Amino acid sequence: MKRHNLKLNRNLYFYLSILFLFYACNPKQGNEQESAKISIEVKNTTGIPRQETLITIDTKKIAEYLPGIQLNELAVFEGDQEVPSQFDADHYMFMVKQLTPNEIKEFTIRNRSSQDPVLSFPKRTQAELSVKKGGHFENKKYIGGEFENITNLRVPDEHTDHSFYIRYEGPGWESDLVGYRFYLDWRNAMDVFGKKTEEMIMQNVGLDGFDSYHEMQPWGMDVLKVGSSLGLGTLGTFFDGKAIRVDKTDSVTCKILENGMIYSSLKTNYFGWKVANQSIDIETVLSIHAGTRLTHNEITVSGQLENICTGLGKDKNAQLYTDQGDLTKWGYIASYGVQSLNNDKLGLAVFFSNDNFKGFTEDEYSHVVKLNPESGHLDYYLVAAWEGEKNGIQNETEFMDYIKQTAEELANPVQVSFPKK
């Protein structure tokens, strides 16, 4: 029996020795996850240079090439240099700093190894929603309490404009270039925060006084006059000769979807919008990424409306520009002039696909573009450029050059190519 056990032990030692030598000579087999990677190509499809492009990849595509990989273990590299990246349940995203005309760049998505340095990238986007807690409503005003950031809100029935319940009156989102908000009440209008810094600022807005942001602060200020107009890119419908904002609803909910380093977004659901003799449900997803002024508005409509409209507030000091777009460029409605609350130069624009275009019109307060959803879906972009921003657009010529280039870029997105399997 002892001799038999000795023989088994010798055989086990022999096989373990062979296995050790095999893995020692083949380290990739022993650390398969660390060697998992995809090399992809990103192509600028235009003859113009592009700055700060967000690449978005469906996580299902990642899973096809890297089955079983955890998204939080991945990093993106241009050569040996890691680039900022972010993920959510459905998308993996990374930033491309610059693409020259028609340039193709290669990037590697791979498992982060123990040899990679730990880098700290700056936070370049933000989305937030802040309400008072610890007080109570009295005659539709919120009395007492302190502001607290939350991620989900069913707007209280008692809430209205100037209830002093929601900090700066609604959700806010920003990039390093510009900030936006909309009034989360019956007005539902978009507004703009001009920024003098590339730092995130909205976490400090409205804390030192409810509307102190209407006056110049070290970070900048609210720069847009909204009133009864569509402000900048406010959602509505054109009915009976006027643009009607989403004003009368059964209920409204708002949720912060992403508050990330390079990408942030929020979703708002309007239930039972009473308009044009109908009751309509609408969902909007507003998003922004690092290095851009553009906000993307993705809309889902449940019900039949003759049109969805958006546009810009009228100002006698601003020059209006319109283009319905074509296959080579998106359409736009834009204005530029001394039209800010600070009485300095401000450019505003909304971009839309020509596929959705129904026509330009106006009412007493707004320049309007009417759009047609396709199968209940519609998207458009809105943008503001204030002369006070750091290294910003300073005159009308620069603004319109920017608008025309952006219209071309939107119609010609970058191409992302994966290796053949």
Foldseek 3Di string as FASTA:
>chain_A
DVVVVVVVVVVVVVVVVVVVVVCVVVVCVVVVQQPQKFKKKWWDPFQAKDAWDKDKDFVVVVCVRRPPDDPVQKFKDQVLHTFDWDDDPTITMTIDGIDHGGDMGMMMIGGDDPPRDDDDDAQFKFKWKKFFPDFDADQLATPDGDIDTDFKDWDDPSHAPPNRTIQLQAMKMGGLAWIKGAHPALLRAIWTWGFAGSHDDPVPHCRVHRQPLLDQDPGGHTWWDCPNHNAAFAKAAQDPFATHGQGDAPIKMKGWDDTGRFKTKIKMWTFQRCPPNGGKIKMWMWMDGYPDQKIKIKMFIDDDDPWMKGFHWDDPFKDWDWDLDDLQFWTKIKIWGLRISVSAIKIKMKTAHNVFWDDWDHHPTGTMTTGHADPRIGMIMIGMWGCSYHVTDPDDVSVVVVVRVVRRCVSRDMDMGTDDD
